[in-house]
Full PDB file with SEQRES, HELIX, SHEET, SSBOND, CRYST1, ORIGX, SCALE, CONECT and MASTER records, all heavy atoms in Angstrom:
SEQRES   1 A   38  THR ILE ASN LEU ASP ASP VAL ARG ALA GLY ARG GLY PRO          
SEQRES   2 A   38  ARG ASN VAL ASP SER GLY ALA THR GLY THR THR LEU GLY          
SEQRES   3 A   38  ASP PHE LEU ARG VAL SER ASP LEU ALA PRO LEU GLU              
HELIX    1 AA1 LEU A    4  ALA A    9  1                                   6    
HELIX    2 AA2 LEU A   25  ASP A   27  5                                   3    
CRYST1    1.000    1.000    1.000  90.00  90.00  90.00 P 1           1          
ORIGX1      1.000000  0.000000  0.000000        0.00000                         
ORIGX2      0.000000  1.000000  0.000000        0.00000                         
ORIGX3      0.000000  0.000000  1.000000        0.00000                         
SCALE1      1.000000  0.000000  0.000000        0.00000                         
SCALE2      0.000000  1.000000  0.000000        0.00000                         
SCALE3      0.000000  0.000000  1.000000        0.00000                         
ATOM      1  N   THR A   1     101.545 -35.723 -12.034  1.00  0.00           N  
ATOM      2  CA  THR A   1     100.712 -36.947 -12.089  1.00  0.00           C  
ATOM      3  C   THR A   1     100.798 -37.711 -10.853  1.00  0.00           C  
ATOM      4  O   THR A   1     101.833 -37.627 -10.116  1.00  0.00           O  
ATOM      5  CB  THR A   1     101.121 -37.855 -13.260  1.00  0.00           C  
ATOM      6  OG1 THR A   1     102.424 -38.317 -13.118  1.00  0.00           O  
ATOM      7  CG2 THR A   1     100.933 -37.082 -14.636  1.00  0.00           C  
ATOM      8  N   ILE A   2      99.794 -38.501 -10.567  1.00  0.00           N  
ATOM      9  CA  ILE A   2      99.871 -39.518  -9.483  1.00  0.00           C  
ATOM     10  C   ILE A   2      99.362 -40.798 -10.058  1.00  0.00           C  
ATOM     11  O   ILE A   2      98.441 -40.839 -10.942  1.00  0.00           O  
ATOM     12  CB  ILE A   2      99.107 -39.111  -8.191  1.00  0.00           C  
ATOM     13  CG1 ILE A   2      97.622 -38.769  -8.547  1.00  0.00           C  
ATOM     14  CG2 ILE A   2      99.819 -37.930  -7.590  1.00  0.00           C  
ATOM     15  CD1 ILE A   2      96.678 -39.730  -8.098  1.00  0.00           C  
ATOM     16  N   ASN A   3      99.838 -41.995  -9.617  1.00  0.00           N  
ATOM     17  CA  ASN A   3      99.219 -43.223  -9.849  1.00  0.00           C  
ATOM     18  C   ASN A   3      98.375 -43.562  -8.606  1.00  0.00           C  
ATOM     19  O   ASN A   3      98.889 -43.624  -7.541  1.00  0.00           O  
ATOM     20  CB  ASN A   3     100.322 -44.226 -10.063  1.00  0.00           C  
ATOM     21  CG  ASN A   3      99.785 -45.648 -10.331  1.00  0.00           C  
ATOM     22  OD1 ASN A   3      99.326 -46.306  -9.486  1.00  0.00           O  
ATOM     23  ND2 ASN A   3      99.873 -46.068 -11.639  1.00  0.00           N  
ATOM     24  N   LEU A   4      97.135 -43.884  -8.850  1.00  0.00           N  
ATOM     25  CA  LEU A   4      96.195 -44.090  -7.808  1.00  0.00           C  
ATOM     26  C   LEU A   4      96.652 -45.285  -6.863  1.00  0.00           C  
ATOM     27  O   LEU A   4      96.417 -45.216  -5.634  1.00  0.00           O  
ATOM     28  CB  LEU A   4      94.800 -44.321  -8.280  1.00  0.00           C  
ATOM     29  CG  LEU A   4      93.651 -44.178  -7.277  1.00  0.00           C  
ATOM     30  CD1 LEU A   4      93.664 -42.840  -6.604  1.00  0.00           C  
ATOM     31  CD2 LEU A   4      92.314 -44.447  -7.995  1.00  0.00           C  
ATOM     32  N   ASP A   5      97.213 -46.252  -7.441  1.00  0.00           N  
ATOM     33  CA  ASP A   5      97.647 -47.383  -6.604  1.00  0.00           C  
ATOM     34  C   ASP A   5      98.761 -46.951  -5.631  1.00  0.00           C  
ATOM     35  O   ASP A   5      98.822 -47.470  -4.514  1.00  0.00           O  
ATOM     36  CB  ASP A   5      98.167 -48.512  -7.514  1.00  0.00           C  
ATOM     37  CG  ASP A   5      97.057 -49.175  -8.384  1.00  0.00           C  
ATOM     38  OD1 ASP A   5      95.921 -49.045  -7.879  1.00  0.00           O  
ATOM     39  OD2 ASP A   5      97.319 -49.676  -9.359  1.00  0.00           O  
ATOM     40  N   ASP A   6      99.685 -46.050  -6.118  1.00  0.00           N  
ATOM     41  CA  ASP A   6     100.681 -45.539  -5.166  1.00  0.00           C  
ATOM     42  C   ASP A   6     100.079 -44.795  -4.009  1.00  0.00           C  
ATOM     43  O   ASP A   6     100.524 -44.990  -2.808  1.00  0.00           O  
ATOM     44  CB  ASP A   6     101.596 -44.528  -5.955  1.00  0.00           C  
ATOM     45  CG  ASP A   6     102.502 -45.216  -6.947  1.00  0.00           C  
ATOM     46  OD1 ASP A   6     102.674 -46.440  -6.895  1.00  0.00           O  
ATOM     47  OD2 ASP A   6     102.978 -44.508  -7.851  1.00  0.00           O  
ATOM     48  N   VAL A   7      99.022 -43.998  -4.281  1.00  0.00           N  
ATOM     49  CA  VAL A   7      98.411 -43.241  -3.196  1.00  0.00           C  
ATOM     50  C   VAL A   7      97.801 -44.201  -2.239  1.00  0.00           C  
ATOM     51  O   VAL A   7      97.913 -44.037  -1.025  1.00  0.00           O  
ATOM     52  CB  VAL A   7      97.397 -42.208  -3.787  1.00  0.00           C  
ATOM     53  CG1 VAL A   7      96.714 -41.476  -2.651  1.00  0.00           C  
ATOM     54  CG2 VAL A   7      98.093 -41.309  -4.749  1.00  0.00           C  
ATOM     55  N   ARG A   8      97.037 -45.139  -2.656  1.00  0.00           N  
ATOM     56  CA  ARG A   8      96.294 -46.034  -1.802  1.00  0.00           C  
ATOM     57  C   ARG A   8      97.287 -46.944  -0.972  1.00  0.00           C  
ATOM     58  O   ARG A   8      97.048 -47.190   0.183  1.00  0.00           O  
ATOM     59  CB  ARG A   8      95.405 -46.951  -2.620  1.00  0.00           C  
ATOM     60  CG  ARG A   8      94.209 -46.243  -3.140  1.00  0.00           C  
ATOM     61  CD  ARG A   8      93.353 -47.148  -4.015  1.00  0.00           C  
ATOM     62  NE  ARG A   8      91.971 -46.584  -4.254  1.00  0.00           N  
ATOM     63  CZ  ARG A   8      91.173 -47.017  -5.160  1.00  0.00           C  
ATOM     64  NH1 ARG A   8      91.530 -48.037  -5.979  1.00  0.00           N  
ATOM     65  NH2 ARG A   8      89.964 -46.465  -5.296  1.00  0.00           N  
ATOM     66  N   ALA A   9      98.350 -47.245  -1.603  1.00  0.00           N  
ATOM     67  CA  ALA A   9      99.406 -48.079  -0.857  1.00  0.00           C  
ATOM     68  C   ALA A   9     100.324 -47.309  -0.035  1.00  0.00           C  
ATOM     69  O   ALA A   9     101.122 -47.870   0.743  1.00  0.00           O  
ATOM     70  CB  ALA A   9     100.173 -48.898  -1.882  1.00  0.00           C  
ATOM     71  N   GLY A  10     100.300 -45.971  -0.054  1.00  0.00           N  
ATOM     72  CA  GLY A  10     101.217 -45.153   0.682  1.00  0.00           C  
ATOM     73  C   GLY A  10     102.633 -45.221   0.211  1.00  0.00           C  
ATOM     74  O   GLY A  10     103.536 -44.923   0.948  1.00  0.00           O  
ATOM     75  N   ARG A  11     102.829 -45.529  -1.100  1.00  0.00           N  
ATOM     76  CA  ARG A  11     104.188 -45.561  -1.594  1.00  0.00           C  
ATOM     77  C   ARG A  11     104.635 -44.116  -1.818  1.00  0.00           C  
ATOM     78  O   ARG A  11     103.893 -43.145  -1.933  1.00  0.00           O  
ATOM     79  CB  ARG A  11     104.181 -46.294  -2.921  1.00  0.00           C  
ATOM     80  CG  ARG A  11     104.105 -47.778  -2.791  1.00  0.00           C  
ATOM     81  CD  ARG A  11     104.361 -48.545  -4.138  1.00  0.00           C  
ATOM     82  NE  ARG A  11     103.321 -48.393  -5.012  1.00  0.00           N  
ATOM     83  CZ  ARG A  11     102.297 -49.355  -5.196  1.00  0.00           C  
ATOM     84  NH1 ARG A  11     102.281 -50.357  -4.389  1.00  0.00           N  
ATOM     85  NH2 ARG A  11     101.381 -49.128  -6.106  1.00  0.00           N  
ATOM     86  N   GLY A  12     105.945 -43.947  -1.992  1.00  0.00           N  
ATOM     87  CA  GLY A  12     106.510 -42.622  -2.200  1.00  0.00           C  
ATOM     88  C   GLY A  12     107.633 -42.326  -1.208  1.00  0.00           C  
ATOM     89  O   GLY A  12     107.893 -43.141  -0.294  1.00  0.00           O  
ATOM     90  N   PRO A  13     108.288 -41.224  -1.397  1.00  0.00           N  
ATOM     91  CA  PRO A  13     109.393 -40.830  -0.453  1.00  0.00           C  
ATOM     92  C   PRO A  13     108.877 -40.566   0.971  1.00  0.00           C  
ATOM     93  O   PRO A  13     107.660 -40.203   1.056  1.00  0.00           O  
ATOM     94  CB  PRO A  13     110.061 -39.672  -1.136  1.00  0.00           C  
ATOM     95  CG  PRO A  13     108.909 -38.988  -1.915  1.00  0.00           C  
ATOM     96  CD  PRO A  13     108.128 -40.208  -2.393  1.00  0.00           C  
ATOM     97  N   ARG A  14     109.675 -40.626   1.897  1.00  0.00           N  
ATOM     98  CA  ARG A  14     109.278 -40.359   3.278  1.00  0.00           C  
ATOM     99  C   ARG A  14     109.079 -38.865   3.467  1.00  0.00           C  
ATOM    100  O   ARG A  14     109.857 -37.989   2.914  1.00  0.00           O  
ATOM    101  CB  ARG A  14     110.461 -40.805   4.220  1.00  0.00           C  
ATOM    102  CG  ARG A  14     110.196 -40.540   5.687  1.00  0.00           C  
ATOM    103  CD  ARG A  14     111.256 -41.230   6.513  1.00  0.00           C  
ATOM    104  NE  ARG A  14     112.577 -40.697   6.280  1.00  0.00           N  
ATOM    105  CZ  ARG A  14     113.131 -39.688   6.969  1.00  0.00           C  
ATOM    106  NH1 ARG A  14     112.405 -39.178   7.988  1.00  0.00           N  
ATOM    107  NH2 ARG A  14     114.293 -39.251   6.699  1.00  0.00           N  
ATOM    108  N   ASN A  15     107.997 -38.572   4.139  1.00  0.00           N  
ATOM    109  CA  ASN A  15     107.725 -37.128   4.447  1.00  0.00           C  
ATOM    110  C   ASN A  15     108.656 -36.686   5.541  1.00  0.00           C  
ATOM    111  O   ASN A  15     108.498 -37.075   6.757  1.00  0.00           O  
ATOM    112  CB  ASN A  15     106.236 -36.945   4.864  1.00  0.00           C  
ATOM    113  CG  ASN A  15     105.927 -35.540   5.263  1.00  0.00           C  
ATOM    114  OD1 ASN A  15     106.733 -34.623   5.157  1.00  0.00           O  
ATOM    115  ND2 ASN A  15     104.670 -35.324   5.654  1.00  0.00           N  
ATOM    116  N   VAL A  16     109.692 -35.833   5.246  1.00  0.00           N  
ATOM    117  CA  VAL A  16     110.657 -35.518   6.212  1.00  0.00           C  
ATOM    118  C   VAL A  16     110.306 -34.268   6.995  1.00  0.00           C  
ATOM    119  O   VAL A  16     110.801 -34.059   8.100  1.00  0.00           O  
ATOM    120  CB  VAL A  16     112.014 -35.365   5.559  1.00  0.00           C  
ATOM    121  CG1 VAL A  16     112.524 -36.722   5.040  1.00  0.00           C  
ATOM    122  CG2 VAL A  16     112.070 -34.258   4.538  1.00  0.00           C  
ATOM    123  N   ASP A  17     109.456 -33.375   6.429  1.00  0.00           N  
ATOM    124  CA  ASP A  17     109.257 -32.086   7.212  1.00  0.00           C  
ATOM    125  C   ASP A  17     108.002 -31.390   6.792  1.00  0.00           C  
ATOM    126  O   ASP A  17     107.789 -30.210   7.224  1.00  0.00           O  
ATOM    127  CB  ASP A  17     110.441 -31.140   6.995  1.00  0.00           C  
ATOM    128  CG  ASP A  17     110.733 -30.836   5.477  1.00  0.00           C  
ATOM    129  OD1 ASP A  17     109.808 -31.061   4.668  1.00  0.00           O  
ATOM    130  OD2 ASP A  17     111.739 -30.313   5.163  1.00  0.00           O  
ATOM    131  N   SER A  18     107.014 -31.943   6.033  1.00  0.00           N  
ATOM    132  CA  SER A  18     105.856 -31.217   5.634  1.00  0.00           C  
ATOM    133  C   SER A  18     104.739 -31.445   6.657  1.00  0.00           C  
ATOM    134  O   SER A  18     104.384 -32.550   7.061  1.00  0.00           O  
ATOM    135  CB  SER A  18     105.349 -31.706   4.262  1.00  0.00           C  
ATOM    136  OG  SER A  18     104.172 -31.044   3.956  1.00  0.00           O  
ATOM    137  N   GLY A  19     104.108 -30.223   7.068  1.00  0.00           N  
ATOM    138  CA  GLY A  19     102.982 -30.309   7.897  1.00  0.00           C  
ATOM    139  C   GLY A  19     101.753 -29.691   7.338  1.00  0.00           C  
ATOM    140  O   GLY A  19     100.716 -29.345   8.029  1.00  0.00           O  
ATOM    141  N   ALA A  20     101.736 -29.586   5.953  1.00  0.00           N  
ATOM    142  CA  ALA A  20     100.543 -28.987   5.296  1.00  0.00           C  
ATOM    143  C   ALA A  20      99.296 -29.813   5.504  1.00  0.00           C  
ATOM    144  O   ALA A  20      99.372 -31.073   5.608  1.00  0.00           O  
ATOM    145  CB  ALA A  20     100.911 -28.870   3.808  1.00  0.00           C  
ATOM    146  N   THR A  21      98.209 -29.140   5.544  1.00  0.00           N  
ATOM    147  CA  THR A  21      96.866 -29.784   5.645  1.00  0.00           C  
ATOM    148  C   THR A  21      96.128 -29.558   4.345  1.00  0.00           C  
ATOM    149  O   THR A  21      96.394 -28.670   3.581  1.00  0.00           O  
ATOM    150  CB  THR A  21      96.042 -29.295   6.821  1.00  0.00           C  
ATOM    151  OG1 THR A  21      95.889 -27.876   6.804  1.00  0.00           O  
ATOM    152  CG2 THR A  21      96.706 -29.640   8.094  1.00  0.00           C  
ATOM    153  N   GLY A  22      95.060 -30.354   4.145  1.00  0.00           N  
ATOM    154  CA  GLY A  22      94.357 -30.286   2.850  1.00  0.00           C  
ATOM    155  C   GLY A  22      95.125 -31.093   1.885  1.00  0.00           C  
ATOM    156  O   GLY A  22      96.343 -31.526   2.107  1.00  0.00           O  
ATOM    157  N   THR A  23      94.626 -31.312   0.703  1.00  0.00           N  
ATOM    158  CA  THR A  23      95.293 -32.008  -0.348  1.00  0.00           C  
ATOM    159  C   THR A  23      94.831 -31.587  -1.731  1.00  0.00           C  
ATOM    160  O   THR A  23      93.691 -31.122  -1.873  1.00  0.00           O  
ATOM    161  CB  THR A  23      95.128 -33.550  -0.256  1.00  0.00           C  
ATOM    162  OG1 THR A  23      95.798 -34.190  -1.274  1.00  0.00           O  
ATOM    163  CG2 THR A  23      93.639 -33.927  -0.245  1.00  0.00           C  
ATOM    164  N   THR A  24      95.752 -31.655  -2.728  1.00  0.00           N  
ATOM    165  CA  THR A  24      95.382 -31.267  -4.094  1.00  0.00           C  
ATOM    166  C   THR A  24      94.742 -32.413  -4.825  1.00  0.00           C  
ATOM    167  O   THR A  24      94.319 -32.259  -5.976  1.00  0.00           O  
ATOM    168  CB  THR A  24      96.692 -30.869  -4.828  1.00  0.00           C  
ATOM    169  OG1 THR A  24      97.574 -31.989  -4.886  1.00  0.00           O  
ATOM    170  CG2 THR A  24      97.362 -29.685  -4.198  1.00  0.00           C  
ATOM    171  N   LEU A  25      94.654 -33.612  -4.232  1.00  0.00           N  
ATOM    172  CA  LEU A  25      94.196 -34.774  -5.019  1.00  0.00           C  
ATOM    173  C   LEU A  25      92.839 -34.604  -5.639  1.00  0.00           C  
ATOM    174  O   LEU A  25      92.558 -35.122  -6.722  1.00  0.00           O  
ATOM    175  CB  LEU A  25      94.126 -35.961  -4.044  1.00  0.00           C  
ATOM    176  CG  LEU A  25      95.453 -36.704  -3.773  1.00  0.00           C  
ATOM    177  CD1 LEU A  25      95.273 -37.876  -2.741  1.00  0.00           C  
ATOM    178  CD2 LEU A  25      96.048 -37.282  -5.004  1.00  0.00           C  
ATOM    179  N   GLY A  26      92.027 -33.818  -5.060  1.00  0.00           N  
ATOM    180  CA  GLY A  26      90.632 -33.557  -5.574  1.00  0.00           C  
ATOM    181  C   GLY A  26      90.679 -32.802  -6.855  1.00  0.00           C  
ATOM    182  O   GLY A  26      89.692 -32.729  -7.628  1.00  0.00           O  
ATOM    183  N   ASP A  27      91.827 -32.280  -7.233  1.00  0.00           N  
ATOM    184  CA  ASP A  27      91.948 -31.516  -8.505  1.00  0.00           C  
ATOM    185  C   ASP A  27      92.351 -32.415  -9.677  1.00  0.00           C  
ATOM    186  O   ASP A  27      92.352 -31.897 -10.874  1.00  0.00           O  
ATOM    187  CB  ASP A  27      93.015 -30.412  -8.380  1.00  0.00           C  
ATOM    188  CG  ASP A  27      92.646 -29.392  -7.297  1.00  0.00           C  
ATOM    189  OD1 ASP A  27      91.485 -29.228  -7.000  1.00  0.00           O  
ATOM    190  OD2 ASP A  27      93.553 -28.730  -6.849  1.00  0.00           O  
ATOM    191  N   PHE A  28      92.756 -33.636  -9.486  1.00  0.00           N  
ATOM    192  CA  PHE A  28      93.329 -34.461 -10.495  1.00  0.00           C  
ATOM    193  C   PHE A  28      92.260 -35.123 -11.455  1.00  0.00           C  
ATOM    194  O   PHE A  28      91.162 -35.439 -10.949  1.00  0.00           O  
ATOM    195  CB  PHE A  28      94.190 -35.563  -9.855  1.00  0.00           C  
ATOM    196  CG  PHE A  28      95.536 -35.021  -9.385  1.00  0.00           C  
ATOM    197  CD1 PHE A  28      95.642 -34.166  -8.297  1.00  0.00           C  
ATOM    198  CD2 PHE A  28      96.712 -35.403 -10.016  1.00  0.00           C  
ATOM    199  CE1 PHE A  28      96.842 -33.700  -7.835  1.00  0.00           C  
ATOM    200  CE2 PHE A  28      97.924 -34.955  -9.545  1.00  0.00           C  
ATOM    201  CZ  PHE A  28      98.008 -34.128  -8.516  1.00  0.00           C  
ATOM    202  N   LEU A  29      92.661 -35.228 -12.678  1.00  0.00           N  
ATOM    203  CA  LEU A  29      91.787 -35.780 -13.710  1.00  0.00           C  
ATOM    204  C   LEU A  29      92.410 -37.116 -14.310  1.00  0.00           C  
ATOM    205  O   LEU A  29      93.610 -37.128 -14.422  1.00  0.00           O  
ATOM    206  CB  LEU A  29      91.595 -34.814 -14.817  1.00  0.00           C  
ATOM    207  CG  LEU A  29      91.087 -33.397 -14.561  1.00  0.00           C  
ATOM    208  CD1 LEU A  29      91.122 -32.504 -15.813  1.00  0.00           C  
ATOM    209  CD2 LEU A  29      89.718 -33.446 -13.883  1.00  0.00           C  
ATOM    210  N   ARG A  30      91.514 -38.039 -14.592  1.00  0.00           N  
ATOM    211  CA  ARG A  30      92.037 -39.286 -15.123  1.00  0.00           C  
ATOM    212  C   ARG A  30      92.516 -39.119 -16.542  1.00  0.00           C  
ATOM    213  O   ARG A  30      91.810 -38.508 -17.402  1.00  0.00           O  
ATOM    214  CB  ARG A  30      91.001 -40.384 -14.984  1.00  0.00           C  
ATOM    215  CG  ARG A  30      91.526 -41.800 -15.386  1.00  0.00           C  
ATOM    216  CD  ARG A  30      90.514 -42.845 -14.852  1.00  0.00           C  
ATOM    217  NE  ARG A  30      89.156 -42.638 -15.362  1.00  0.00           N  
ATOM    218  CZ  ARG A  30      88.071 -43.167 -14.777  1.00  0.00           C  
ATOM    219  NH1 ARG A  30      88.189 -43.893 -13.667  1.00  0.00           N  
ATOM    220  NH2 ARG A  30      86.896 -42.903 -15.249  1.00  0.00           N  
ATOM    221  N   VAL A  31      93.681 -39.680 -16.843  1.00  0.00           N  
ATOM    222  CA  VAL A  31      94.224 -39.585 -18.171  1.00  0.00           C  
ATOM    223  C   VAL A  31      93.298 -40.075 -19.191  1.00  0.00           C  
ATOM    224  O   VAL A  31      93.143 -39.466 -20.256  1.00  0.00           O  
ATOM    225  CB  VAL A  31      95.672 -40.241 -18.214  1.00  0.00           C  
ATOM    226  CG1 VAL A  31      96.125 -40.330 -19.715  1.00  0.00           C  
ATOM    227  CG2 VAL A  31      96.617 -39.469 -17.388  1.00  0.00           C  
ATOM    228  N   SER A  32      92.667 -41.187 -19.011  1.00  0.00           N  
ATOM    229  CA  SER A  32      91.942 -41.899 -20.039  1.00  0.00           C  
ATOM    230  C   SER A  32      90.678 -41.081 -20.510  1.00  0.00           C  
ATOM    231  O   SER A  32      90.413 -41.058 -21.705  1.00  0.00           O  
ATOM    232  CB  SER A  32      91.380 -43.227 -19.555  1.00  0.00           C  
ATOM    233  OG  SER A  32      90.574 -43.112 -18.421  1.00  0.00           O  
ATOM    234  N   ASP A  33      89.997 -40.465 -19.587  1.00  0.00           N  
ATOM    235  CA  ASP A  33      88.735 -39.764 -20.003  1.00  0.00           C  
ATOM    236  C   ASP A  33      88.461 -38.476 -19.321  1.00  0.00           C  
ATOM    237  O   ASP A  33      87.374 -37.914 -19.360  1.00  0.00           O  
ATOM    238  CB  ASP A  33      87.595 -40.728 -19.691  1.00  0.00           C  
ATOM    239  CG  ASP A  33      87.467 -41.139 -18.178  1.00  0.00           C  
ATOM    240  OD1 ASP A  33      88.285 -40.666 -17.403  1.00  0.00           O  
ATOM    241  OD2 ASP A  33      86.649 -42.013 -17.890  1.00  0.00           O  
ATOM    242  N   LEU A  34      89.476 -37.855 -18.565  1.00  0.00           N  
ATOM    243  CA  LEU A  34      89.359 -36.595 -17.897  1.00  0.00           C  
ATOM    244  C   LEU A  34      88.368 -36.647 -16.699  1.00  0.00           C  
ATOM    245  O   LEU A  34      87.923 -35.566 -16.231  1.00  0.00           O  
ATOM    246  CB  LEU A  34      89.022 -35.477 -18.859  1.00  0.00           C  
ATOM    247  CG  LEU A  34      89.992 -35.225 -19.997  1.00  0.00           C  
ATOM    248  CD1 LEU A  34      89.518 -34.071 -20.831  1.00  0.00           C  
ATOM    249  CD2 LEU A  34      91.369 -34.923 -19.495  1.00  0.00           C  
ATOM    250  N   ALA A  35      87.962 -37.780 -16.259  1.00  0.00           N  
ATOM    251  CA  ALA A  35      87.070 -37.938 -15.176  1.00  0.00           C  
ATOM    252  C   ALA A  35      87.836 -37.468 -13.837  1.00  0.00           C  
ATOM    253  O   ALA A  35      89.019 -37.860 -13.688  1.00  0.00           O  
ATOM    254  CB  ALA A  35      86.608 -39.294 -14.965  1.00  0.00           C  
ATOM    255  N   PRO A  36      87.182 -36.628 -13.035  1.00  0.00           N  
ATOM    256  CA  PRO A  36      87.844 -36.226 -11.813  1.00  0.00           C  
ATOM    257  C   PRO A  36      87.927 -37.358 -10.818  1.00  0.00           C  
ATOM    258  O   PRO A  36      87.131 -38.299 -10.864  1.00  0.00           O  
ATOM    259  CB  PRO A  36      87.020 -35.061 -11.267  1.00  0.00           C  
ATOM    260  CG  PRO A  36      85.613 -35.390 -11.864  1.00  0.00           C  
ATOM    261  CD  PRO A  36      85.924 -35.949 -13.221  1.00  0.00           C  
ATOM    262  N   LEU A  37      88.837 -37.230  -9.875  1.00  0.00           N  
ATOM    263  CA  LEU A  37      88.956 -38.268  -8.782  1.00  0.00           C  
ATOM    264  C   LEU A  37      87.686 -38.125  -8.032  1.00  0.00           C  
ATOM    265  O   LEU A  37      87.357 -37.100  -7.495  1.00  0.00           O  
ATOM    266  CB  LEU A  37      90.184 -37.886  -7.957  1.00  0.00           C  
ATOM    267  CG  LEU A  37      90.897 -39.041  -7.226  1.00  0.00           C  
ATOM    268  CD1 LEU A  37      91.317 -40.095  -8.211  1.00  0.00           C  
ATOM    269  CD2 LEU A  37      92.067 -38.540  -6.438  1.00  0.00           C  
ATOM    270  N   GLU A  38      86.939 -39.257  -7.976  1.00  0.00           N  
ATOM    271  CA  GLU A  38      85.647 -39.229  -7.268  1.00  0.00           C  
ATOM    272  C   GLU A  38      85.802 -39.048  -5.805  1.00  0.00           C  
ATOM    273  O   GLU A  38      86.798 -39.518  -5.179  1.00  0.00           O  
ATOM    274  CB  GLU A  38      84.952 -40.568  -7.575  1.00  0.00           C  
ATOM    275  CG  GLU A  38      84.562 -40.733  -9.026  1.00  0.00           C  
ATOM    276  CD  GLU A  38      83.803 -42.016  -9.330  1.00  0.00           C  
ATOM    277  OE1 GLU A  38      83.551 -42.696  -8.333  1.00  0.00           O  
ATOM    278  OE2 GLU A  38      83.564 -42.298 -10.494  1.00  0.00           O  
TER     279      GLU A  38                                                      
MASTER        0    0    0    2    0    0    0    6  278    1    0    3          
END                                                                             
């Protein structure tokens, strides 16, 4: 899971060594109604 406010605010642990590109965020569904991340 992700909390959208965390993503927008850049909260979370420090990225110490990841250089990956692209993101899985587009795969996530909202808990309340299964709406995809717009």
